[in-house]
Amino acid sequence: MNCFSIAIDGPSGAGKSTLARSLAKKLGYLYVDTGAIYRTIGYYAWKQGVDPKEEAAVLALLPKVQVELTYGEDGLQHMLLNGEDVTREIRLPEISLYASAVSAHPGVRSFLLDMQRQLARSHHVIMDGRDIGTVVLPDADVKIFLTASAEARTKRRMLELEQRGTPEPYEKILKEIQERDWNDSHRTAAPLRQAEDAVLVDTTDLNFQQSEEALLTIIKEKTGA
């Protein structure tokens, strides 16, 4: 089977996961949230009391980690860590910076690279993250770089946290997003950047429906779907 792969990259809070999940459902593709995979590693480091910036300490954890990606009856991606469903726990605000720090280590990235590529070899996939089009799936059929202003992303994140019952103040979220942007774009291993052949989509002034329509148009033009 000739499998199509769609890579959606961009900074934290740009709407990658929400849009990719919705598009995958419409197109009948498998949705792979790679950020959730790194969050799972970050969550394990947090639970073990390990400094996520200490590469040797994080790599020492990997042989004890079994990460599985499954799909629940709700149709959503669930993350299992050593057999335990940690889908909700990895979304705690403090895990974001842990995920960013552990994902900067080349050893962690290579540990997870095979899992991600195997999914693309065996399914039509929409995969979102920071380096999908540049590193994980450099030959993806469609590459999109999704972005929005830090202020717009902060407002969206505030709303998401309020709906989840874990509200945080605007200034705190903005600072975390700016810090994450800097970390992701300045790390040595696979920094966040737009692939040369990726289509740039800025959703600052677009609502969800408009953003989705923009991405669907690009995908249909590139794949003939």
N, C-alpha and C. Protein backbone atom coordinates (compact mmCIF):
# COMPACT_ATOMS: atom_id res chain seq x y z
N MET A 1 0.85 -1.19 0.00
CA MET A 1 0.00 0.00 0.00
C MET A 1 0.88 1.24 0.00
N ASN A 2 0.54 2.17 -0.92
CA ASN A 2 1.26 3.44 -0.95
C ASN A 2 0.63 4.39 0.06
N CYS A 3 1.32 4.64 1.16
CA CYS A 3 0.75 5.45 2.24
C CYS A 3 1.10 6.92 2.09
N PHE A 4 0.10 7.77 2.27
CA PHE A 4 0.32 9.21 2.25
C PHE A 4 0.69 9.68 3.65
N SER A 5 1.60 10.63 3.72
CA SER A 5 1.97 11.21 5.02
C SER A 5 1.89 12.73 4.95
N ILE A 6 1.29 13.29 5.98
CA ILE A 6 1.14 14.74 6.10
C ILE A 6 1.84 15.19 7.37
N ALA A 7 2.78 16.11 7.23
CA ALA A 7 3.57 16.61 8.36
C ALA A 7 3.11 18.03 8.70
N ILE A 8 2.72 18.23 9.96
CA ILE A 8 2.33 19.57 10.42
C ILE A 8 3.25 19.97 11.56
N ASP A 9 4.09 20.96 11.32
CA ASP A 9 5.02 21.46 12.33
C ASP A 9 4.62 22.86 12.76
N GLY A 10 5.18 23.28 13.89
CA GLY A 10 4.93 24.64 14.34
C GLY A 10 5.15 24.76 15.83
N PRO A 11 5.12 25.99 16.33
CA PRO A 11 5.38 26.23 17.75
C PRO A 11 4.24 25.75 18.64
N SER A 12 4.52 25.72 19.93
CA SER A 12 3.54 25.31 20.94
C SER A 12 2.31 26.22 20.90
N GLY A 13 1.12 25.61 20.92
CA GLY A 13 -0.11 26.39 20.99
C GLY A 13 -0.62 26.92 19.67
N ALA A 14 -0.03 26.49 18.55
CA ALA A 14 -0.47 26.99 17.24
C ALA A 14 -1.75 26.30 16.77
N GLY A 15 -2.16 25.24 17.47
CA GLY A 15 -3.38 24.53 17.08
C GLY A 15 -3.11 23.28 16.28
N LYS A 16 -1.84 22.85 16.25
CA LYS A 16 -1.46 21.68 15.43
C LYS A 16 -2.27 20.43 15.78
N SER A 17 -2.31 20.11 17.07
CA SER A 17 -2.95 18.86 17.49
C SER A 17 -4.45 18.86 17.21
N THR A 18 -5.12 19.96 17.57
CA THR A 18 -6.57 20.03 17.37
C THR A 18 -6.93 19.93 15.90
N LEU A 19 -6.19 20.66 15.07
CA LEU A 19 -6.46 20.65 13.63
C LEU A 19 -6.08 19.30 13.01
N ALA A 20 -4.93 18.77 13.39
CA ALA A 20 -4.49 17.50 12.82
C ALA A 20 -5.46 16.38 13.17
N ARG A 21 -5.95 16.38 14.40
CA ARG A 21 -6.90 15.34 14.85
C ARG A 21 -8.19 15.42 14.04
N SER A 22 -8.69 16.64 13.85
CA SER A 22 -9.94 16.83 13.10
C SER A 22 -9.77 16.46 11.63
N LEU A 23 -8.63 16.86 11.03
CA LEU A 23 -8.36 16.54 9.63
C LEU A 23 -8.21 15.04 9.42
N ALA A 24 -7.55 14.38 10.36
CA ALA A 24 -7.36 12.92 10.25
C ALA A 24 -8.70 12.22 10.23
N LYS A 25 -9.61 12.68 11.07
CA LYS A 25 -10.95 12.08 11.14
C LYS A 25 -11.69 12.27 9.82
N LYS A 26 -11.59 13.47 9.25
CA LYS A 26 -12.29 13.77 7.99
C LYS A 26 -11.71 12.97 6.82
N LEU A 27 -10.39 12.79 6.84
CA LEU A 27 -9.72 12.13 5.71
C LEU A 27 -9.57 10.62 5.90
N GLY A 28 -9.86 10.14 7.12
CA GLY A 28 -9.70 8.71 7.40
C GLY A 28 -8.24 8.32 7.58
N TYR A 29 -7.42 9.27 8.04
CA TYR A 29 -6.00 9.01 8.28
C TYR A 29 -5.78 8.69 9.76
N LEU A 30 -4.63 8.12 10.05
CA LEU A 30 -4.21 7.90 11.44
C LEU A 30 -3.57 9.18 11.95
N TYR A 31 -4.04 9.66 13.10
CA TYR A 31 -3.45 10.87 13.69
C TYR A 31 -2.37 10.48 14.69
N VAL A 32 -1.19 11.08 14.54
CA VAL A 32 -0.09 10.82 15.46
C VAL A 32 0.38 12.14 16.07
N ASP A 33 0.12 12.29 17.37
CA ASP A 33 0.55 13.48 18.12
C ASP A 33 1.92 13.18 18.72
N THR A 34 2.98 13.59 18.02
CA THR A 34 4.33 13.26 18.51
C THR A 34 4.67 14.03 19.77
N GLY A 35 4.05 15.21 19.94
CA GLY A 35 4.29 15.97 21.17
C GLY A 35 3.88 15.18 22.39
N ALA A 36 2.80 14.40 22.27
CA ALA A 36 2.33 13.58 23.39
C ALA A 36 3.35 12.50 23.73
N ILE A 37 4.06 12.01 22.73
CA ILE A 37 5.07 10.98 22.97
C ILE A 37 6.22 11.58 23.80
N TYR A 38 6.66 12.78 23.43
CA TYR A 38 7.73 13.44 24.20
C TYR A 38 7.24 13.85 25.58
N ARG A 39 5.97 14.23 25.67
CA ARG A 39 5.41 14.58 26.97
C ARG A 39 5.43 13.36 27.90
N THR A 40 5.21 12.19 27.32
CA THR A 40 5.21 10.96 28.12
C THR A 40 6.59 10.71 28.72
N ILE A 41 7.63 10.93 27.92
CA ILE A 41 9.01 10.79 28.43
C ILE A 41 9.27 11.86 29.49
N GLY A 42 8.82 13.10 29.22
CA GLY A 42 9.00 14.19 30.17
C GLY A 42 8.27 13.91 31.48
N TYR A 43 7.07 13.35 31.36
CA TYR A 43 6.29 13.02 32.56
C TYR A 43 7.01 11.97 33.41
N TYR A 44 7.63 10.99 32.73
CA TYR A 44 8.34 9.95 33.47
C TYR A 44 9.54 10.56 34.22
N ALA A 45 10.26 11.46 33.54
CA ALA A 45 11.39 12.14 34.19
C ALA A 45 10.92 12.93 35.40
N TRP A 46 9.78 13.61 35.24
CA TRP A 46 9.19 14.40 36.34
C TRP A 46 8.85 13.50 37.52
N LYS A 47 8.21 12.36 37.21
CA LYS A 47 7.82 11.42 38.28
C LYS A 47 9.03 10.86 39.02
N GLN A 48 10.12 10.68 38.27
CA GLN A 48 11.32 10.10 38.87
C GLN A 48 12.20 11.16 39.54
N GLY A 49 11.78 12.42 39.45
CA GLY A 49 12.55 13.50 40.08
C GLY A 49 13.85 13.80 39.37
N VAL A 50 13.90 13.52 38.06
CA VAL A 50 15.12 13.73 37.27
C VAL A 50 15.07 15.11 36.59
N ASP A 51 16.18 15.83 36.62
CA ASP A 51 16.28 17.11 35.93
C ASP A 51 16.23 16.84 34.42
N PRO A 52 15.19 17.33 33.71
CA PRO A 52 15.05 17.00 32.28
C PRO A 52 16.17 17.56 31.41
N LYS A 53 16.94 18.52 31.94
CA LYS A 53 18.03 19.09 31.15
C LYS A 53 19.33 18.28 31.29
N GLU A 54 19.35 17.34 32.24
CA GLU A 54 20.52 16.49 32.44
C GLU A 54 20.42 15.29 31.50
N GLU A 55 21.11 15.39 30.36
CA GLU A 55 20.95 14.38 29.31
C GLU A 55 21.28 12.97 29.80
N ALA A 56 22.40 12.81 30.50
CA ALA A 56 22.81 11.47 30.96
C ALA A 56 21.75 10.85 31.86
N ALA A 57 21.17 11.67 32.74
CA ALA A 57 20.16 11.17 33.67
C ALA A 57 18.89 10.76 32.93
N VAL A 58 18.50 11.55 31.91
CA VAL A 58 17.29 11.23 31.13
C VAL A 58 17.52 9.96 30.31
N LEU A 59 18.69 9.85 29.67
CA LEU A 59 18.97 8.66 28.85
C LEU A 59 19.01 7.40 29.70
N ALA A 60 19.42 7.54 30.96
CA ALA A 60 19.46 6.38 31.86
C ALA A 60 18.06 5.86 32.16
N LEU A 61 17.05 6.71 31.98
CA LEU A 61 15.66 6.29 32.22
C LEU A 61 15.08 5.47 31.06
N LEU A 62 15.58 5.70 29.85
CA LEU A 62 14.94 5.14 28.66
C LEU A 62 14.80 3.62 28.66
N PRO A 63 15.81 2.85 29.15
CA PRO A 63 15.63 1.39 29.17
C PRO A 63 14.47 0.94 30.06
N LYS A 64 14.04 1.83 30.97
CA LYS A 64 12.95 1.47 31.88
C LYS A 64 11.59 1.97 31.36
N VAL A 65 11.61 2.56 30.18
CA VAL A 65 10.39 3.18 29.65
C VAL A 65 9.82 2.38 28.49
N GLN A 66 8.54 2.06 28.61
CA GLN A 66 7.82 1.47 27.48
C GLN A 66 6.69 2.42 27.12
N VAL A 67 6.81 3.03 25.95
CA VAL A 67 5.80 4.00 25.50
C VAL A 67 4.96 3.35 24.41
N GLU A 68 3.66 3.39 24.60
CA GLU A 68 2.75 2.83 23.59
C GLU A 68 1.71 3.87 23.21
N LEU A 69 1.35 3.84 21.95
CA LEU A 69 0.36 4.75 21.42
C LEU A 69 -0.84 3.90 21.03
N THR A 70 -1.99 4.15 21.64
CA THR A 70 -3.19 3.37 21.35
C THR A 70 -4.34 4.32 21.03
N TYR A 71 -5.43 3.75 20.56
CA TYR A 71 -6.62 4.55 20.25
C TYR A 71 -7.80 4.01 21.05
N GLY A 72 -8.39 4.88 21.86
CA GLY A 72 -9.48 4.47 22.73
C GLY A 72 -10.81 4.43 22.00
N GLU A 73 -11.86 4.02 22.73
CA GLU A 73 -13.20 3.98 22.15
C GLU A 73 -13.68 5.37 21.77
N ASP A 74 -13.04 6.39 22.38
CA ASP A 74 -13.39 7.76 22.04
C ASP A 74 -12.76 8.20 20.72
N GLY A 75 -11.95 7.30 20.11
CA GLY A 75 -11.31 7.61 18.83
C GLY A 75 -10.07 8.47 18.97
N LEU A 76 -9.72 8.82 20.20
CA LEU A 76 -8.56 9.69 20.43
C LEU A 76 -7.31 8.88 20.75
N GLN A 77 -6.16 9.51 20.48
CA GLN A 77 -4.89 8.88 20.80
C GLN A 77 -4.69 8.87 22.31
N HIS A 78 -4.33 7.71 22.83
CA HIS A 78 -4.02 7.59 24.26
C HIS A 78 -2.57 7.18 24.41
N MET A 79 -1.91 7.73 25.41
CA MET A 79 -0.52 7.40 25.68
C MET A 79 -0.42 6.47 26.88
N LEU A 80 0.25 5.35 26.68
CA LEU A 80 0.49 4.42 27.77
C LEU A 80 1.96 4.47 28.16
N LEU A 81 2.21 4.60 29.44
CA LEU A 81 3.57 4.60 29.98
C LEU A 81 3.70 3.37 30.88
N ASN A 82 4.50 2.43 30.44
CA ASN A 82 4.66 1.16 31.17
C ASN A 82 3.30 0.56 31.53
N GLY A 83 2.40 0.60 30.54
CA GLY A 83 1.09 -0.02 30.70
C GLY A 83 0.02 0.85 31.32
N GLU A 84 0.39 2.03 31.81
CA GLU A 84 -0.58 2.92 32.48
C GLU A 84 -0.98 4.06 31.55
N ASP A 85 -2.27 4.31 31.44
CA ASP A 85 -2.77 5.39 30.60
C ASP A 85 -2.46 6.73 31.29
N VAL A 86 -1.59 7.53 30.67
CA VAL A 86 -1.18 8.82 31.25
C VAL A 86 -1.62 9.99 30.37
N THR A 87 -2.62 9.75 29.54
CA THR A 87 -3.08 10.76 28.58
C THR A 87 -3.42 12.08 29.25
N ARG A 88 -4.08 12.04 30.39
CA ARG A 88 -4.47 13.27 31.08
C ARG A 88 -3.28 13.88 31.82
N GLU A 89 -2.49 13.04 32.47
CA GLU A 89 -1.37 13.53 33.30
C GLU A 89 -0.34 14.29 32.48
N ILE A 90 -0.09 13.86 31.25
CA ILE A 90 0.96 14.51 30.46
C ILE A 90 0.56 15.91 30.00
N ARG A 91 -0.69 16.28 30.19
CA ARG A 91 -1.16 17.62 29.80
C ARG A 91 -1.08 18.62 30.95
N LEU A 92 -0.57 18.21 32.11
CA LEU A 92 -0.39 19.16 33.21
C LEU A 92 0.56 20.27 32.75
N PRO A 93 0.29 21.53 33.12
CA PRO A 93 1.12 22.65 32.65
C PRO A 93 2.62 22.47 32.90
N GLU A 94 2.98 21.90 34.05
CA GLU A 94 4.40 21.76 34.37
C GLU A 94 5.13 20.75 33.48
N ILE A 95 4.37 19.89 32.80
CA ILE A 95 5.00 18.89 31.94
C ILE A 95 5.46 19.48 30.61
N SER A 96 4.88 20.63 30.21
CA SER A 96 5.27 21.26 28.93
C SER A 96 6.77 21.52 28.86
N LEU A 97 7.33 22.13 29.90
CA LEU A 97 8.75 22.47 29.89
C LEU A 97 9.60 21.21 30.04
N TYR A 98 9.10 20.20 30.74
CA TYR A 98 9.80 18.92 30.81
C TYR A 98 9.88 18.29 29.42
N ALA A 99 8.77 18.33 28.70
CA ALA A 99 8.74 17.76 27.35
C ALA A 99 9.72 18.48 26.43
N SER A 100 9.73 19.80 26.51
CA SER A 100 10.64 20.60 25.69
C SER A 100 12.09 20.25 26.00
N ALA A 101 12.41 20.09 27.30
CA ALA A 101 13.80 19.82 27.69
C ALA A 101 14.25 18.43 27.27
N VAL A 102 13.42 17.42 27.49
CA VAL A 102 13.85 16.05 27.13
C VAL A 102 13.93 15.88 25.61
N SER A 103 13.07 16.60 24.88
CA SER A 103 13.08 16.47 23.42
C SER A 103 14.31 17.10 22.79
N ALA A 104 15.06 17.87 23.57
CA ALA A 104 16.29 18.49 23.05
C ALA A 104 17.45 17.50 23.01
N HIS A 105 17.31 16.36 23.66
CA HIS A 105 18.41 15.39 23.73
C HIS A 105 18.39 14.45 22.51
N PRO A 106 19.48 14.41 21.74
CA PRO A 106 19.51 13.55 20.55
C PRO A 106 19.19 12.08 20.87
N GLY A 107 19.63 11.60 22.02
CA GLY A 107 19.38 10.21 22.38
C GLY A 107 17.90 9.91 22.54
N VAL A 108 17.15 10.86 23.07
CA VAL A 108 15.71 10.69 23.22
C VAL A 108 15.03 10.68 21.86
N ARG A 109 15.46 11.58 20.99
CA ARG A 109 14.86 11.68 19.66
C ARG A 109 15.09 10.41 18.85
N SER A 110 16.31 9.87 18.90
CA SER A 110 16.59 8.65 18.14
C SER A 110 15.84 7.46 18.72
N PHE A 111 15.64 7.46 20.04
CA PHE A 111 14.90 6.41 20.73
C PHE A 111 13.46 6.33 20.19
N LEU A 112 12.88 7.48 19.87
CA LEU A 112 11.48 7.53 19.45
C LEU A 112 11.29 7.60 17.93
N LEU A 113 12.37 7.83 17.20
CA LEU A 113 12.27 8.06 15.75
C LEU A 113 11.68 6.85 15.01
N ASP A 114 12.16 5.67 15.33
CA ASP A 114 11.70 4.45 14.66
C ASP A 114 10.21 4.23 14.83
N MET A 115 9.72 4.47 16.05
CA MET A 115 8.28 4.29 16.32
C MET A 115 7.45 5.18 15.39
N GLN A 116 7.89 6.43 15.25
CA GLN A 116 7.13 7.38 14.44
C GLN A 116 7.19 7.02 12.95
N ARG A 117 8.35 6.64 12.46
CA ARG A 117 8.48 6.30 11.04
C ARG A 117 7.73 5.03 10.68
N GLN A 118 7.71 4.06 11.59
CA GLN A 118 7.00 2.82 11.33
C GLN A 118 5.50 3.08 11.15
N LEU A 119 4.95 4.00 11.94
CA LEU A 119 3.54 4.34 11.81
C LEU A 119 3.25 4.92 10.42
N ALA A 120 4.18 5.73 9.91
CA ALA A 120 4.00 6.34 8.58
C ALA A 120 4.18 5.34 7.46
N ARG A 121 4.97 4.29 7.71
CA ARG A 121 5.17 3.26 6.68
C ARG A 121 3.94 2.37 6.53
N SER A 122 3.18 2.25 7.60
CA SER A 122 2.08 1.28 7.60
C SER A 122 0.68 1.89 7.57
N HIS A 123 0.58 3.22 7.63
CA HIS A 123 -0.72 3.88 7.61
C HIS A 123 -0.64 5.19 6.83
N HIS A 124 -1.81 5.66 6.35
CA HIS A 124 -1.91 7.07 5.94
C HIS A 124 -1.89 7.86 7.24
N VAL A 125 -0.96 8.79 7.39
CA VAL A 125 -0.86 9.49 8.68
C VAL A 125 -0.86 11.01 8.54
N ILE A 126 -1.38 11.65 9.58
CA ILE A 126 -1.16 13.07 9.81
C ILE A 126 -0.39 13.13 11.11
N MET A 127 0.82 13.65 11.04
CA MET A 127 1.71 13.66 12.19
C MET A 127 2.06 15.11 12.50
N ASP A 128 1.92 15.51 13.76
CA ASP A 128 2.29 16.88 14.09
C ASP A 128 3.36 16.90 15.17
N GLY A 129 4.17 17.97 15.15
CA GLY A 129 5.27 18.09 16.09
C GLY A 129 6.11 19.31 15.80
N ARG A 130 7.41 19.20 16.05
CA ARG A 130 8.33 20.32 15.83
C ARG A 130 9.27 20.06 14.65
N ASP A 131 9.54 18.77 14.36
CA ASP A 131 10.54 18.45 13.33
C ASP A 131 10.07 17.33 12.41
N ILE A 132 8.76 17.25 12.18
CA ILE A 132 8.23 16.15 11.37
C ILE A 132 8.69 16.30 9.91
N GLY A 133 8.48 17.49 9.35
CA GLY A 133 8.85 17.70 7.95
C GLY A 133 10.34 17.82 7.71
N THR A 134 11.10 18.15 8.76
CA THR A 134 12.55 18.34 8.58
C THR A 134 13.36 17.09 8.93
N VAL A 135 12.89 16.31 9.91
CA VAL A 135 13.69 15.17 10.40
C VAL A 135 12.94 13.85 10.36
N VAL A 136 11.77 13.80 10.98
CA VAL A 136 11.06 12.52 11.13
C VAL A 136 10.57 11.99 9.78
N LEU A 137 9.87 12.84 9.02
CA LEU A 137 9.34 12.44 7.70
C LEU A 137 9.78 13.46 6.65
N PRO A 138 11.07 13.48 6.33
CA PRO A 138 11.55 14.48 5.37
C PRO A 138 10.97 14.31 3.96
N ASP A 139 10.41 13.11 3.67
CA ASP A 139 9.81 12.87 2.36
C ASP A 139 8.29 12.88 2.42
N ALA A 140 7.72 13.52 3.43
CA ALA A 140 6.26 13.59 3.57
C ALA A 140 5.63 14.17 2.31
N ASP A 141 4.45 13.67 1.96
CA ASP A 141 3.76 14.13 0.75
C ASP A 141 3.28 15.57 0.89
N VAL A 142 2.92 15.96 2.11
CA VAL A 142 2.46 17.32 2.38
C VAL A 142 3.17 17.82 3.63
N LYS A 143 3.71 19.03 3.56
CA LYS A 143 4.34 19.64 4.74
C LYS A 143 3.72 21.01 4.98
N ILE A 144 3.28 21.20 6.21
CA ILE A 144 2.65 22.47 6.58
C ILE A 144 3.35 23.00 7.83
N PHE A 145 3.66 24.28 7.83
CA PHE A 145 4.21 24.93 9.03
C PHE A 145 3.14 25.85 9.55
N LEU A 146 2.58 25.48 10.70
CA LEU A 146 1.45 26.19 11.28
C LEU A 146 1.94 27.11 12.39
N THR A 147 1.56 28.36 12.33
CA THR A 147 2.02 29.29 13.37
C THR A 147 0.91 30.29 13.71
N ALA A 148 1.15 31.07 14.75
CA ALA A 148 0.27 32.16 15.18
C ALA A 148 1.09 33.00 16.14
N SER A 149 0.66 34.23 16.39
CA SER A 149 1.41 35.09 17.30
C SER A 149 1.42 34.48 18.71
N ALA A 150 2.43 34.83 19.50
CA ALA A 150 2.52 34.32 20.88
C ALA A 150 1.30 34.74 21.69
N GLU A 151 0.79 35.94 21.42
CA GLU A 151 -0.37 36.45 22.16
C GLU A 151 -1.63 35.64 21.83
N ALA A 152 -1.81 35.33 20.55
CA ALA A 152 -2.98 34.53 20.14
C ALA A 152 -2.89 33.12 20.72
N ARG A 153 -1.70 32.55 20.72
CA ARG A 153 -1.51 31.21 21.27
C ARG A 153 -1.74 31.18 22.78
N THR A 154 -1.37 32.29 23.44
CA THR A 154 -1.58 32.38 24.89
C THR A 154 -3.08 32.40 25.21
N LYS A 155 -3.84 33.16 24.46
CA LYS A 155 -5.29 33.24 24.69
C LYS A 155 -5.96 31.88 24.46
N ARG A 156 -5.51 31.16 23.44
CA ARG A 156 -6.08 29.84 23.16
C ARG A 156 -5.73 28.86 24.28
N ARG A 157 -4.50 28.94 24.74
CA ARG A 157 -4.06 28.05 25.82
C ARG A 157 -4.82 28.36 27.11
N MET A 158 -5.05 29.65 27.38
CA MET A 158 -5.83 30.05 28.57
C MET A 158 -7.21 29.42 28.53
N LEU A 159 -7.86 29.49 27.38
CA LEU A 159 -9.21 28.94 27.22
C LEU A 159 -9.20 27.43 27.42
N GLU A 160 -8.19 26.77 26.84
CA GLU A 160 -8.07 25.32 26.96
C GLU A 160 -7.92 24.90 28.43
N LEU A 161 -7.08 25.62 29.16
CA LEU A 161 -6.85 25.30 30.57
C LEU A 161 -8.09 25.58 31.43
N GLU A 162 -8.80 26.67 31.08
CA GLU A 162 -10.04 26.98 31.80
C GLU A 162 -11.08 25.88 31.61
N GLN A 163 -11.19 25.41 30.36
CA GLN A 163 -12.16 24.34 30.06
C GLN A 163 -11.78 23.04 30.76
N ARG A 164 -10.49 22.86 31.00
CA ARG A 164 -10.01 21.65 31.66
C ARG A 164 -10.09 21.76 33.18
N GLY A 165 -10.41 22.97 33.66
CA GLY A 165 -10.53 23.16 35.10
C GLY A 165 -9.21 23.44 35.79
N THR A 166 -8.18 23.82 35.00
CA THR A 166 -6.86 24.14 35.58
C THR A 166 -6.39 25.51 35.06
N PRO A 167 -7.13 26.57 35.37
CA PRO A 167 -6.79 27.90 34.82
C PRO A 167 -5.43 28.42 35.29
N GLU A 168 -4.80 29.19 34.41
CA GLU A 168 -3.51 29.82 34.72
C GLU A 168 -3.59 31.27 34.25
N PRO A 169 -2.87 32.21 34.90
CA PRO A 169 -2.91 33.62 34.47
C PRO A 169 -2.22 33.84 33.12
N TYR A 170 -2.71 34.87 32.41
CA TYR A 170 -2.21 35.19 31.06
C TYR A 170 -0.70 35.36 31.03
N GLU A 171 -0.15 36.18 31.93
CA GLU A 171 1.28 36.48 31.91
C GLU A 171 2.14 35.23 32.10
N LYS A 172 1.68 34.32 32.96
CA LYS A 172 2.42 33.08 33.22
C LYS A 172 2.45 32.21 31.96
N ILE A 173 1.29 32.09 31.30
CA ILE A 173 1.21 31.27 30.09
C ILE A 173 2.05 31.87 28.97
N LEU A 174 1.96 33.21 28.82
CA LEU A 174 2.74 33.89 27.77
C LEU A 174 4.24 33.65 27.98
N LYS A 175 4.69 33.79 29.21
CA LYS A 175 6.10 33.58 29.52
C LYS A 175 6.53 32.15 29.19
N GLU A 176 5.68 31.17 29.54
CA GLU A 176 6.00 29.77 29.27
C GLU A 176 6.06 29.49 27.77
N ILE A 177 5.13 30.08 27.02
CA ILE A 177 5.11 29.89 25.57
C ILE A 177 6.36 30.50 24.94
N GLN A 178 6.74 31.70 25.38
CA GLN A 178 7.93 32.35 24.84
C GLN A 178 9.19 31.56 25.17
N GLU A 179 9.23 31.03 26.40
CA GLU A 179 10.37 30.21 26.81
C GLU A 179 10.44 28.92 26.00
N ARG A 180 9.28 28.32 25.78
CA ARG A 180 9.24 27.08 25.00
C ARG A 180 9.65 27.35 23.55
N ASP A 181 9.18 28.45 22.98
CA ASP A 181 9.56 28.82 21.61
C ASP A 181 11.08 28.93 21.49
N TRP A 182 11.68 29.61 22.47
CA TRP A 182 13.13 29.83 22.43
C TRP A 182 13.86 28.48 22.55
N ASN A 183 13.43 27.67 23.50
CA ASN A 183 14.06 26.36 23.70
C ASN A 183 13.95 25.49 22.45
N ASP A 184 12.75 25.45 21.87
CA ASP A 184 12.51 24.58 20.72
C ASP A 184 13.28 25.02 19.48
N SER A 185 13.43 26.32 19.31
CA SER A 185 14.11 26.82 18.11
C SER A 185 15.63 26.93 18.26
N HIS A 186 16.12 26.83 19.49
CA HIS A 186 17.57 26.96 19.72
C HIS A 186 18.25 25.65 20.14
N ARG A 187 17.49 24.58 20.25
CA ARG A 187 18.13 23.33 20.67
C ARG A 187 19.03 22.81 19.55
N THR A 188 20.02 22.03 19.93
CA THR A 188 20.98 21.49 18.96
C THR A 188 20.34 20.39 18.12
N ALA A 189 19.58 19.52 18.76
CA ALA A 189 18.97 18.38 18.06
C ALA A 189 17.63 18.79 17.45
N ALA A 190 17.56 18.72 16.13
CA ALA A 190 16.31 18.96 15.40
C ALA A 190 15.54 20.18 15.88
N PRO A 191 16.11 21.38 15.77
CA PRO A 191 15.40 22.58 16.23
C PRO A 191 14.14 22.83 15.42
N LEU A 192 13.21 23.55 16.02
CA LEU A 192 11.98 23.93 15.34
C LEU A 192 12.32 24.90 14.22
N ARG A 193 11.98 24.52 13.00
CA ARG A 193 12.15 25.42 11.86
C ARG A 193 11.23 24.96 10.73
N GLN A 194 10.95 25.87 9.83
CA GLN A 194 10.08 25.55 8.70
C GLN A 194 10.89 24.84 7.63
N ALA A 195 10.42 23.68 7.18
CA ALA A 195 11.07 22.97 6.08
C ALA A 195 10.98 23.84 4.83
N GLU A 196 11.98 23.73 3.97
CA GLU A 196 12.02 24.57 2.77
C GLU A 196 10.80 24.36 1.88
N ASP A 197 10.28 23.13 1.86
CA ASP A 197 9.14 22.83 0.98
C ASP A 197 7.82 22.80 1.74
N ALA A 198 7.79 23.39 2.94
CA ALA A 198 6.55 23.43 3.73
C ALA A 198 5.74 24.68 3.38
N VAL A 199 4.44 24.56 3.43
CA VAL A 199 3.54 25.70 3.21
C VAL A 199 3.29 26.38 4.55
N LEU A 200 3.53 27.68 4.63
CA LEU A 200 3.34 28.44 5.87
C LEU A 200 1.87 28.84 6.01
N VAL A 201 1.29 28.53 7.17
CA VAL A 201 -0.10 28.93 7.46
C VAL A 201 -0.11 29.64 8.81
N ASP A 202 -0.46 30.94 8.80
CA ASP A 202 -0.53 31.73 10.02
C ASP A 202 -2.00 31.84 10.43
N THR A 203 -2.34 31.29 11.61
CA THR A 203 -3.74 31.24 12.04
C THR A 203 -4.09 32.33 13.05
N THR A 204 -3.21 33.33 13.21
CA THR A 204 -3.45 34.39 14.20
C THR A 204 -4.85 34.99 14.07
N ASP A 205 -5.27 35.28 12.84
CA ASP A 205 -6.56 35.94 12.61
C ASP A 205 -7.62 34.99 12.05
N LEU A 206 -7.37 33.68 12.16
CA LEU A 206 -8.32 32.68 11.65
C LEU A 206 -8.98 31.94 12.81
N ASN A 207 -10.26 31.63 12.67
CA ASN A 207 -10.89 30.78 13.66
C ASN A 207 -10.63 29.31 13.28
N PHE A 208 -11.16 28.39 14.07
CA PHE A 208 -10.86 26.98 13.82
C PHE A 208 -11.32 26.53 12.44
N GLN A 209 -12.55 26.87 12.08
CA GLN A 209 -13.11 26.43 10.80
C GLN A 209 -12.29 26.99 9.62
N GLN A 210 -11.91 28.25 9.70
CA GLN A 210 -11.11 28.86 8.63
C GLN A 210 -9.74 28.20 8.53
N SER A 211 -9.15 27.89 9.68
CA SER A 211 -7.83 27.24 9.70
C SER A 211 -7.93 25.85 9.07
N GLU A 212 -8.98 25.14 9.45
CA GLU A 212 -9.16 23.78 8.92
C GLU A 212 -9.38 23.80 7.41
N GLU A 213 -10.17 24.73 6.93
CA GLU A 213 -10.42 24.84 5.50
C GLU A 213 -9.14 25.16 4.74
N ALA A 214 -8.30 26.02 5.33
CA ALA A 214 -7.03 26.38 4.69
C ALA A 214 -6.13 25.15 4.56
N LEU A 215 -6.07 24.34 5.61
CA LEU A 215 -5.23 23.14 5.58
C LEU A 215 -5.80 22.08 4.65
N LEU A 216 -7.11 21.92 4.65
CA LEU A 216 -7.74 20.94 3.75
C LEU A 216 -7.46 21.28 2.28
N THR A 217 -7.52 22.56 1.97
CA THR A 217 -7.25 23.01 0.59
C THR A 217 -5.82 22.64 0.18
N ILE A 218 -4.86 22.88 1.07
CA ILE A 218 -3.46 22.55 0.78
C ILE A 218 -3.29 21.04 0.59
N ILE A 219 -3.89 20.26 1.48
CA ILE A 219 -3.75 18.80 1.42
C ILE A 219 -4.36 18.25 0.13
N LYS A 220 -5.54 18.76 -0.24
CA LYS A 220 -6.21 18.26 -1.44
C LYS A 220 -5.40 18.63 -2.70
N GLU A 221 -4.83 19.83 -2.69
CA GLU A 221 -4.02 20.25 -3.85
C GLU A 221 -2.78 19.37 -4.00
N LYS A 222 -2.17 19.00 -2.86
CA LYS A 222 -0.92 18.24 -2.90
C LYS A 222 -1.14 16.74 -3.15
N THR A 223 -2.26 16.20 -2.67
CA THR A 223 -2.47 14.74 -2.76
C THR A 223 -3.50 14.34 -3.81
N GLY A 224 -4.30 15.32 -4.26
CA GLY A 224 -5.35 15.01 -5.20
C GLY A 224 -6.52 14.31 -4.53
N ALA A 225 -6.57 14.42 -3.20
CA ALA A 225 -7.63 13.73 -2.42
C ALA A 225 -8.98 14.40 -2.65
